Amino acid sequence: MIKSLTKFTGVSLIAAAGMIGVAQAKPLLTDSKETYVSACLDQSDTPERIIEICQRGLGGAGASDRQRIEMLDKLGWAYYDLDDMDQADDAFVEILALNPTAELGLQGRAWVKYNRDDYAAAVALFRQAVSRKPNASNMAGLAASARRSGEMDFAEFEEVMQTALALNPEYTWAMRELAWTLVDHYRQDEALTLFRTASDLDPYDPYAEYGVAFLLSERNDWEAAFAHVSRALDLKPDFVTALSRRSLILLMLDRPKQALKDAEAVIAAKPDDVDGYVRKARALSDLGQRSQAHEVLELAESRVGSGSSYLLYWRASLLADDLDYEAALFHIRRSVALKGADQFDHRLHAEIALWMGHTDEARDAVDQALGFNPDGEFEQYTNALVMLDEHRFDAAESAFDAAIASGLHKDYLGDFLSALVAEGRFIQAIKMRAQYGNRPSATTSDAQRSN
């Protein structure tokens, strides 16, 4: 099959139809009453066969402009499914040549622009498509591209996306798009419901399965997350993001050998992405191969560069695990200097600075972490430890209480009391032990960044 014929020859899709070969194991027309036009418009088949059938239909005579538009639309989406955006765009452009206001051409071109991350152009085309036909696909495409181009805030995005879902309650792409945006706005319960609904509607959707796995892993429900991420990979074996997430899940299930295997597959698929290297280094560390773990992260930085706060975080974290605090402090300082630094980076910075006795630096770092996540249990717990170093003992106790109220596990009480005793606060430690002795413990995530 010649997939880039129009791109290289400059001929129209209609003229190109006569240049396509006919070698097919299965006849293109399986019913003697069919024509290539009727087969193109009515038949569901593989993208490759749809392309050849529709090109033959377009190359014949007698089809109306409306039929040509419908055939070009089917042809364009077949190319789209094969990720041939040039040919897809050519088909949609030909629709607009036949009718400049045709909704099928406007929508098709809009989705091609969206696929190419040209969101401003996609918005303009989707707006025209919506004016012609305000259906679910056009509304959802408009919302998604406008949010990414900065032309629509979250509230408006949610309203337009909910409108799309009202028009088509079974539109799983819109569900998943809305769900991921809800995740970004800390509305995980609603997002999980949407992913589950999408998965129920289409049990063969790997992206819905991955969404469920992601959110379950964020809740530390690792066993359930493993089942869903494995299902996603069964449906789409080359789903690298799911492979990386499964490596993390296996790490948290204390299965580092399997996590290592997945991590190496991620590196092979995406050698310029830091995720695989971090997963591999963590798996090696869990297997007791600490020096190899550090070498992997050094290799990652040499290949990917030093612009990833996530990579530098893990360099610092693994060095801190090895009690090499000076090296850990060096790398975490590099991490927090980058634009992408978040509460995890700043909190680790505070912890390492505290271990090194740099109280003022720890204070600045924990304040930064609290700025990202003021109600975070571990941010408040680290703040309590810094307060102890500042000799603000009552405030430290209040901060620890707030951390417990936010979900910090009572197991951290022992560490906090040890720090109090180290400061000579014996009576306060005894009172806190009695105070917490009969309280039920909360459940929460690991203190360390898990992803």
Protein backbone atom coordinates (compact mmCIF):
# COMPACT_ATOMS: atom_id res chain seq x y z
CA MET A 1 0.00 0.00 0.00
CA ILE A 2 1.34 3.44 -0.95
CA LYS A 3 0.55 5.49 2.16
CA SER A 4 2.19 8.79 1.26
CA LEU A 5 1.25 8.97 -2.40
CA THR A 6 -0.44 12.37 -2.37
CA LYS A 7 2.33 13.89 -0.25
CA PHE A 8 5.05 12.94 -2.71
CA THR A 9 3.22 13.27 -6.04
CA GLY A 10 0.95 16.21 -5.37
CA VAL A 11 -1.98 14.47 -7.08
CA SER A 12 -5.42 14.51 -5.49
CA LEU A 13 -6.76 11.57 -3.55
CA ILE A 14 -9.33 10.98 -6.29
CA ALA A 15 -6.71 10.85 -9.02
CA ALA A 16 -4.50 8.66 -6.86
CA ALA A 17 -7.14 5.97 -6.64
CA GLY A 18 -6.26 4.50 -10.01
CA MET A 19 -2.63 4.10 -8.98
CA ILE A 20 -3.27 1.70 -6.07
CA GLY A 21 -2.54 -1.99 -6.54
CA VAL A 22 -5.20 -4.63 -6.24
CA ALA A 23 -3.29 -7.40 -4.52
CA GLN A 24 -5.47 -8.49 -1.62
CA ALA A 25 -5.91 -11.87 0.00
CA LYS A 26 -9.60 -11.10 0.44
CA PRO A 27 -11.67 -9.55 -2.38
CA LEU A 28 -12.36 -5.87 -1.83
CA LEU A 29 -16.02 -6.40 -2.75
CA THR A 30 -17.61 -9.46 -1.15
CA ASP A 31 -21.16 -8.90 -2.44
CA SER A 32 -21.99 -8.76 -6.16
CA LYS A 33 -24.53 -6.01 -5.45
CA GLU A 34 -21.89 -3.75 -3.91
CA THR A 35 -19.98 -0.95 -5.60
CA TYR A 36 -16.80 0.61 -4.29
CA VAL A 37 -18.85 3.67 -3.32
CA SER A 38 -21.40 1.68 -1.33
CA ALA A 39 -18.68 -0.49 0.21
CA CYS A 40 -16.71 2.57 1.28
CA LEU A 41 -19.74 4.17 2.88
CA ASP A 42 -21.17 1.07 4.53
CA GLN A 43 -18.38 -1.39 5.23
CA SER A 44 -16.47 -1.73 8.49
CA ASP A 45 -13.06 -3.23 7.80
CA THR A 46 -9.38 -2.77 8.53
CA PRO A 47 -8.03 0.74 7.88
CA GLU A 48 -5.86 -0.57 5.05
CA ARG A 49 -8.82 -2.15 3.22
CA ILE A 50 -11.04 0.87 3.84
CA ILE A 51 -8.36 3.07 2.28
CA GLU A 52 -8.18 1.01 -0.89
CA ILE A 53 -11.94 0.57 -1.20
CA CYS A 54 -12.64 4.27 -0.66
CA GLN A 55 -9.88 5.36 -3.03
CA ARG A 56 -11.45 3.15 -5.72
CA GLY A 57 -14.85 4.61 -4.97
CA LEU A 58 -13.47 8.12 -5.27
CA GLY A 59 -11.74 7.26 -8.53
CA GLY A 60 -14.95 6.18 -10.21
CA ALA A 61 -17.60 8.31 -11.84
CA GLY A 62 -21.15 9.07 -10.80
CA ALA A 63 -20.79 9.80 -7.08
CA SER A 64 -22.47 12.97 -5.82
CA ASP A 65 -20.52 15.62 -3.91
CA ARG A 66 -22.23 14.46 -0.73
CA GLN A 67 -21.10 10.89 -1.34
CA ARG A 68 -17.57 12.08 -2.11
CA ILE A 69 -17.49 14.03 1.14
CA GLU A 70 -18.62 10.98 3.09
CA MET A 71 -16.07 8.75 1.35
CA LEU A 72 -13.28 11.25 1.97
CA ASP A 73 -14.32 11.42 5.62
CA LYS A 74 -14.09 7.65 5.95
CA LEU A 75 -10.78 7.67 4.10
CA GLY A 76 -9.39 10.40 6.33
CA TRP A 77 -10.28 8.55 9.52
CA ALA A 78 -8.77 5.34 8.18
CA TYR A 79 -5.49 7.19 7.65
CA TYR A 80 -5.91 8.77 11.11
CA ASP A 81 -6.25 5.31 12.66
CA LEU A 82 -2.94 4.37 11.00
CA ASP A 83 -1.36 7.54 12.45
CA ASP A 84 -0.75 8.90 8.94
CA MET A 85 -1.68 12.49 9.70
CA ASP A 86 -0.48 13.89 6.37
CA GLN A 87 -2.80 11.67 4.35
CA ALA A 88 -5.64 12.16 6.82
CA ASP A 89 -5.30 15.93 6.53
CA ASP A 90 -5.23 15.71 2.73
CA ALA A 91 -8.57 13.88 2.80
CA PHE A 92 -10.20 16.43 5.09
CA VAL A 93 -8.79 19.31 3.01
CA GLU A 94 -10.42 17.78 -0.08
CA ILE A 95 -13.75 17.73 1.77
CA LEU A 96 -13.42 21.47 2.37
CA ALA A 97 -12.47 22.01 -1.26
CA LEU A 98 -15.84 20.49 -2.18
CA ASN A 99 -17.66 22.43 0.56
CA PRO A 100 -15.73 25.00 2.66
CA THR A 101 -18.27 24.80 5.50
CA ALA A 102 -18.62 21.00 5.61
CA GLU A 103 -18.69 19.93 9.25
CA LEU A 104 -16.96 16.62 8.47
CA GLY A 105 -13.98 18.41 6.97
CA LEU A 106 -13.78 21.00 9.76
CA GLN A 107 -13.96 18.35 12.47
CA GLY A 108 -11.48 16.03 10.76
CA ARG A 109 -8.90 18.77 10.27
CA ALA A 110 -9.44 19.94 13.86
CA TRP A 111 -8.61 16.48 15.22
CA VAL A 112 -5.50 16.29 13.02
CA LYS A 113 -4.35 19.64 14.43
CA TYR A 114 -5.10 18.38 17.93
CA ASN A 115 -3.09 15.22 17.29
CA ARG A 116 -0.16 17.42 16.17
CA ASP A 117 -0.42 19.57 19.33
CA ASP A 118 -1.38 22.61 17.22
CA TYR A 119 -4.08 23.51 19.71
CA ALA A 120 -4.72 27.11 18.62
CA ALA A 121 -5.48 25.95 15.06
CA ALA A 122 -7.61 23.10 16.45
CA VAL A 123 -9.67 25.56 18.52
CA ALA A 124 -10.44 27.70 15.46
CA LEU A 125 -11.54 24.66 13.45
CA PHE A 126 -13.55 23.13 16.29
CA ARG A 127 -15.38 26.44 16.82
CA GLN A 128 -16.40 26.41 13.16
CA ALA A 129 -17.43 22.76 13.41
CA VAL A 130 -19.51 23.45 16.54
CA SER A 131 -21.27 26.32 14.75
CA ARG A 132 -22.23 23.88 12.00
CA LYS A 133 -23.05 20.91 14.24
CA PRO A 134 -22.72 21.09 18.05
CA ASN A 135 -22.29 17.35 18.56
CA ALA A 136 -20.38 15.57 21.32
CA SER A 137 -17.16 15.09 19.34
CA ASN A 138 -16.95 18.76 18.34
CA MET A 139 -17.77 20.00 21.83
CA ALA A 140 -15.24 17.68 23.48
CA GLY A 141 -12.55 18.53 20.94
CA LEU A 142 -13.15 22.23 21.46
CA ALA A 143 -12.91 21.89 25.24
CA ALA A 144 -9.75 19.78 25.16
CA SER A 145 -7.88 21.94 22.65
CA ALA A 146 -8.99 25.24 24.21
CA ARG A 147 -7.82 24.10 27.65
CA ARG A 148 -4.43 23.11 26.26
CA SER A 149 -4.04 26.37 24.35
CA GLY A 150 -4.93 28.41 27.43
CA GLU A 151 -8.14 29.78 25.88
CA MET A 152 -10.42 28.05 28.39
CA ASP A 153 -10.12 27.80 32.16
CA PHE A 154 -10.97 24.65 34.09
CA ALA A 155 -14.50 25.68 35.01
CA GLU A 156 -15.46 26.36 31.39
CA PHE A 157 -13.64 23.25 30.22
CA GLU A 158 -15.62 21.10 32.65
CA GLU A 159 -18.90 22.71 31.62
CA VAL A 160 -18.28 22.17 27.89
CA MET A 161 -17.04 18.60 28.44
CA GLN A 162 -20.08 17.78 30.57
CA THR A 163 -22.22 19.16 27.74
CA ALA A 164 -20.48 16.80 25.33
CA LEU A 165 -21.22 13.89 27.66
CA ALA A 166 -24.84 14.98 27.97
CA LEU A 167 -25.04 14.81 24.17
CA ASN A 168 -23.39 11.37 24.15
CA PRO A 169 -23.31 9.68 27.57
CA GLU A 170 -21.23 6.81 26.16
CA TYR A 171 -18.42 8.96 24.73
CA THR A 172 -15.51 7.30 26.51
CA TRP A 173 -12.79 9.58 25.08
CA ALA A 174 -14.50 12.60 26.64
CA MET A 175 -14.86 10.72 29.93
CA ARG A 176 -11.15 9.96 30.03
CA GLU A 177 -10.16 13.49 29.03
CA LEU A 178 -12.35 14.96 31.76
CA ALA A 179 -11.11 12.39 34.27
CA TRP A 180 -7.44 13.27 33.77
CA THR A 181 -8.22 16.95 34.21
CA LEU A 182 -10.10 16.16 37.42
CA VAL A 183 -6.98 14.32 38.62
CA ASP A 184 -4.98 17.52 38.03
CA HIS A 185 -7.49 19.35 40.23
CA TYR A 186 -7.35 16.79 43.08
CA ARG A 187 -10.83 15.37 42.39
CA GLN A 188 -9.66 11.77 42.31
CA ASP A 189 -12.91 10.14 43.41
CA GLU A 190 -14.84 11.68 40.51
CA ALA A 191 -12.04 10.81 38.11
CA LEU A 192 -12.01 7.17 39.23
CA THR A 193 -15.77 6.95 38.70
CA LEU A 194 -15.36 8.26 35.15
CA PHE A 195 -12.56 5.83 34.35
CA ARG A 196 -14.58 2.92 35.72
CA THR A 197 -17.62 3.99 33.71
CA ALA A 198 -15.52 4.22 30.54
CA SER A 199 -14.09 0.76 31.22
CA ASP A 200 -17.57 -0.68 31.79
CA LEU A 201 -18.79 0.84 28.52
CA ASP A 202 -15.77 -0.43 26.60
CA PRO A 203 -14.04 -3.39 28.30
CA TYR A 204 -11.41 -3.33 25.54
CA ASP A 205 -10.26 0.25 26.24
CA PRO A 206 -6.68 0.05 27.60
CA TYR A 207 -6.64 3.76 28.44
CA ALA A 208 -9.63 3.47 30.76
CA GLU A 209 -8.02 0.47 32.45
CA TYR A 210 -4.82 2.45 32.88
CA GLY A 211 -6.74 5.36 34.41
CA VAL A 212 -8.28 3.03 37.00
CA ALA A 213 -4.85 1.50 37.71
CA PHE A 214 -3.24 4.91 38.08
CA LEU A 215 -5.77 6.17 40.62
CA LEU A 216 -5.79 2.93 42.59
CA SER A 217 -2.00 3.12 42.80
CA GLU A 218 -2.27 6.72 44.02
CA ARG A 219 -4.44 5.31 46.83
CA ASN A 220 -1.80 2.66 47.56
CA ASP A 221 -4.23 -0.09 46.56
CA TRP A 222 -1.36 -1.84 44.83
CA GLU A 223 -2.90 -5.28 44.33
CA ALA A 224 -6.01 -3.91 42.64
CA ALA A 225 -3.89 -1.48 40.63
CA PHE A 226 -1.74 -4.36 39.40
CA ALA A 227 -4.78 -6.22 38.07
CA HIS A 228 -5.96 -3.19 36.08
CA VAL A 229 -2.56 -2.18 34.71
CA SER A 230 -1.93 -5.76 33.63
CA ARG A 231 -5.29 -5.75 31.85
CA ALA A 232 -4.30 -2.51 30.09
CA LEU A 233 -1.09 -4.15 28.89
CA ASP A 234 -2.95 -7.26 27.76
CA LEU A 235 -5.08 -4.99 25.58
CA LYS A 236 -2.15 -2.85 24.39
CA PRO A 237 1.23 -4.56 24.87
CA ASP A 238 3.17 -1.52 23.57
CA PHE A 239 1.57 0.83 26.14
CA VAL A 240 4.83 2.17 27.58
CA THR A 241 3.22 4.45 30.17
CA ALA A 242 1.31 1.47 31.58
CA LEU A 243 4.50 -0.58 31.55
CA SER A 244 6.25 2.10 33.61
CA ARG A 245 3.35 2.26 36.06
CA ARG A 246 3.37 -1.53 36.40
CA SER A 247 7.08 -1.37 37.22
CA LEU A 248 6.27 1.07 40.04
CA ILE A 249 3.39 -1.09 41.26
CA LEU A 250 5.63 -4.16 41.31
CA LEU A 251 8.20 -2.21 43.35
CA MET A 252 5.54 -1.34 45.89
CA LEU A 253 4.43 -4.99 45.98
CA ASP A 254 8.02 -5.93 46.87
CA ARG A 255 8.63 -7.69 43.56
CA PRO A 256 11.79 -5.88 42.41
CA LYS A 257 12.96 -8.53 39.94
CA GLN A 258 9.77 -8.20 37.91
CA ALA A 259 9.86 -4.43 38.33
CA LEU A 260 13.40 -4.45 36.92
CA LYS A 261 12.26 -6.38 33.85
CA ASP A 262 9.50 -3.85 33.13
CA ALA A 263 11.87 -0.95 33.75
CA GLU A 264 14.36 -2.27 31.22
CA ALA A 265 11.55 -2.61 28.68
CA VAL A 266 10.59 1.03 29.30
CA ILE A 267 14.19 2.15 28.73
CA ALA A 268 14.36 0.14 25.50
CA ALA A 269 11.14 1.76 24.26
CA LYS A 270 11.92 5.30 25.44
CA PRO A 271 15.68 5.75 25.98
CA ASP A 272 15.27 9.54 26.22
CA ASP A 273 12.71 9.39 29.04
CA VAL A 274 13.87 9.39 32.67
CA ASP A 275 11.02 7.17 33.94
CA GLY A 276 12.56 3.85 32.95
CA TYR A 277 15.94 4.73 34.48
CA VAL A 278 14.36 5.75 37.78
CA ARG A 279 12.31 2.56 37.89
CA LYS A 280 15.41 0.48 37.14
CA ALA A 281 17.53 2.26 39.74
CA ARG A 282 14.90 1.77 42.43
CA ALA A 283 14.54 -1.91 41.56
CA LEU A 284 18.32 -2.40 41.71
CA SER A 285 18.42 -0.57 45.04
CA ASP A 286 15.71 -2.84 46.43
CA LEU A 287 17.74 -5.82 45.22
CA GLY A 288 20.74 -4.53 47.19
CA GLN A 289 22.68 -3.43 44.10
CA ARG A 290 23.17 0.14 45.28
CA SER A 291 26.25 1.06 43.24
CA GLN A 292 24.57 -0.15 40.05
CA ALA A 293 21.51 1.92 40.93
CA HIS A 294 23.58 5.09 41.15
CA GLU A 295 25.29 4.24 37.87
CA VAL A 296 21.91 3.92 36.15
CA LEU A 297 20.87 7.39 37.29
CA GLU A 298 24.21 8.84 36.22
CA LEU A 299 23.70 7.23 32.83
CA ALA A 300 20.21 8.70 32.65
CA GLU A 301 21.52 12.21 33.29
CA SER A 302 24.22 11.80 30.64
CA ARG A 303 21.59 10.69 28.11
CA VAL A 304 18.61 12.84 29.03
CA GLY A 305 20.29 15.88 30.57
CA SER A 306 20.05 17.56 33.95
CA GLY A 307 16.74 19.33 33.41
CA SER A 308 14.55 16.82 35.26
CA SER A 309 13.81 17.56 38.92
CA TYR A 310 12.24 14.08 39.09
CA LEU A 311 15.53 12.42 38.11
CA LEU A 312 17.54 14.58 40.52
CA TYR A 313 15.05 13.85 43.30
CA TRP A 314 15.74 10.15 42.99
CA ARG A 315 19.48 10.66 42.76
CA ALA A 316 19.24 12.55 46.06
CA SER A 317 16.83 10.07 47.63
CA LEU A 318 18.93 6.98 46.90
CA LEU A 319 22.08 8.74 48.11
CA ALA A 320 20.28 9.70 51.33
CA ASP A 321 19.28 6.05 51.75
CA ASP A 322 23.01 5.28 51.60
CA LEU A 323 23.61 8.00 54.27
CA ASP A 324 25.67 10.02 51.77
CA TYR A 325 23.98 13.23 52.85
CA GLU A 326 26.49 15.63 51.29
CA ALA A 327 25.99 14.17 47.83
CA ALA A 328 22.25 13.94 48.45
CA LEU A 329 22.10 17.63 49.41
CA PHE A 330 24.06 18.56 46.28
CA HIS A 331 21.55 16.84 43.99
CA ILE A 332 18.41 17.96 45.80
CA ARG A 333 19.63 21.56 45.63
CA ARG A 334 19.96 21.07 41.88
CA SER A 335 16.45 19.65 41.77
CA VAL A 336 14.69 22.47 43.62
CA ALA A 337 16.43 25.05 41.43
CA LEU A 338 14.52 23.72 38.41
CA LYS A 339 11.12 24.94 37.26
CA GLY A 340 9.47 21.55 37.65
CA ALA A 341 10.27 21.13 41.36
CA ASP A 342 7.25 20.23 43.51
CA GLN A 343 6.39 19.47 47.13
CA PHE A 344 8.22 16.14 47.02
CA ASP A 345 11.47 17.83 46.01
CA HIS A 346 11.15 20.58 48.61
CA ARG A 347 10.19 18.15 51.36
CA LEU A 348 13.17 15.91 50.65
CA HIS A 349 15.33 19.04 50.58
CA ALA A 350 14.03 19.93 54.05
CA GLU A 351 14.71 16.43 55.39
CA ILE A 352 18.25 16.27 54.02
CA ALA A 353 19.07 19.79 55.21
CA LEU A 354 17.74 18.85 58.65
CA TRP A 355 19.94 15.74 58.75
CA MET A 356 22.90 17.95 57.85
CA GLY A 357 22.07 20.45 60.61
CA HIS A 358 21.17 23.27 58.19
CA THR A 359 18.09 24.46 60.09
CA ASP A 360 17.52 27.70 58.17
CA GLU A 361 17.76 25.87 54.84
CA ALA A 362 15.35 23.22 56.11
CA ARG A 363 12.89 25.92 57.20
CA ASP A 364 12.92 27.57 53.77
CA ALA A 365 12.51 24.19 52.06
CA VAL A 366 9.58 22.99 54.18
CA ASP A 367 7.84 26.34 53.70
CA GLN A 368 8.15 25.80 49.96
CA ALA A 369 6.70 22.29 50.31
CA LEU A 370 3.78 23.60 52.40
CA GLY A 371 3.16 26.22 49.73
CA PHE A 372 2.48 23.38 47.28
CA ASN A 373 0.50 21.20 49.67
CA PRO A 374 -0.44 22.98 52.94
CA ASP A 375 -2.65 20.14 54.16
CA GLY A 376 -0.29 17.33 53.24
CA GLU A 377 0.35 14.97 56.13
CA PHE A 378 4.05 14.56 55.35
CA GLU A 379 4.62 18.23 54.69
CA GLN A 380 3.12 18.98 58.11
CA TYR A 381 5.13 16.19 59.73
CA THR A 382 8.38 17.49 58.25
CA ASN A 383 7.38 20.97 59.40
CA ALA A 384 6.98 19.57 62.93
CA LEU A 385 10.50 18.09 62.82
CA VAL A 386 11.96 21.39 61.63
CA MET A 387 10.13 23.18 64.45
CA LEU A 388 11.80 20.84 66.94
CA ASP A 389 15.17 21.86 65.54
CA GLU A 390 14.07 25.49 65.95
CA HIS A 391 13.15 24.75 69.61
CA ARG A 392 9.51 25.63 68.93
CA PHE A 393 8.28 22.62 70.88
CA ASP A 394 4.61 23.48 71.42
CA ALA A 395 4.21 24.54 67.81
CA ALA A 396 5.93 21.30 66.74
CA GLU A 397 3.42 19.27 68.74
CA SER A 398 0.54 21.16 67.13
CA ALA A 399 2.03 20.56 63.67
CA PHE A 400 2.35 16.85 64.45
CA ASP A 401 -1.29 16.77 65.61
CA ALA A 402 -2.30 18.41 62.33
CA ALA A 403 -0.33 15.80 60.38
CA ILE A 404 -2.12 12.99 62.22
CA ALA A 405 -5.48 14.68 61.54
CA SER A 406 -4.57 14.81 57.84
CA GLY A 407 -3.92 11.08 57.75
CA LEU A 408 -0.37 10.48 59.00
CA HIS A 409 0.01 6.97 60.39
CA LYS A 410 0.57 6.68 64.13
CA ASP A 411 3.74 4.72 63.44
CA TYR A 412 5.45 8.10 62.96
CA LEU A 413 4.77 8.96 66.59
CA GLY A 414 7.80 6.96 67.75
CA ASP A 415 10.18 8.92 65.51
CA PHE A 416 8.70 12.21 66.64
CA LEU A 417 8.94 11.25 70.32
CA SER A 418 12.57 10.20 69.82
CA ALA A 419 13.28 13.63 68.38
CA LEU A 420 11.56 15.25 71.36
CA VAL A 421 13.64 13.20 73.80
CA ALA A 422 16.81 14.14 71.91
CA GLU A 423 15.90 17.75 72.62
CA GLY A 424 15.44 16.97 76.33
CA ARG A 425 11.63 17.22 76.21
CA PHE A 426 10.98 14.11 78.30
CA ILE A 427 7.72 15.19 79.95
CA GLN A 428 6.24 16.37 76.65
CA ALA A 429 7.15 13.03 75.06
CA ILE A 430 5.49 11.08 77.90
CA LYS A 431 2.32 13.17 77.65
CA MET A 432 2.14 12.72 73.88
CA ARG A 433 2.62 8.97 74.23
CA ALA A 434 -0.30 8.83 76.66
CA GLN A 435 -2.38 11.13 74.46
CA TYR A 436 -1.97 8.94 71.38
CA GLY A 437 -1.97 5.61 73.16
CA ASN A 438 -5.65 4.84 72.58
CA ARG A 439 -6.22 6.67 69.29
CA PRO A 440 -7.03 4.61 66.18
CA SER A 441 -4.38 4.93 63.50
CA ALA A 442 -5.06 6.42 60.10
CA THR A 443 -3.93 4.96 56.83
CA THR A 444 -1.91 7.00 54.38
CA SER A 445 0.71 6.81 51.70
CA ASP A 446 4.40 6.15 52.15
CA ALA A 447 6.38 9.19 53.29
CA GLN A 448 8.61 8.94 50.26
CA ARG A 449 7.58 9.91 46.78
CA SER A 450 6.24 6.71 45.23
CA ASN A 451 5.88 7.59 41.57
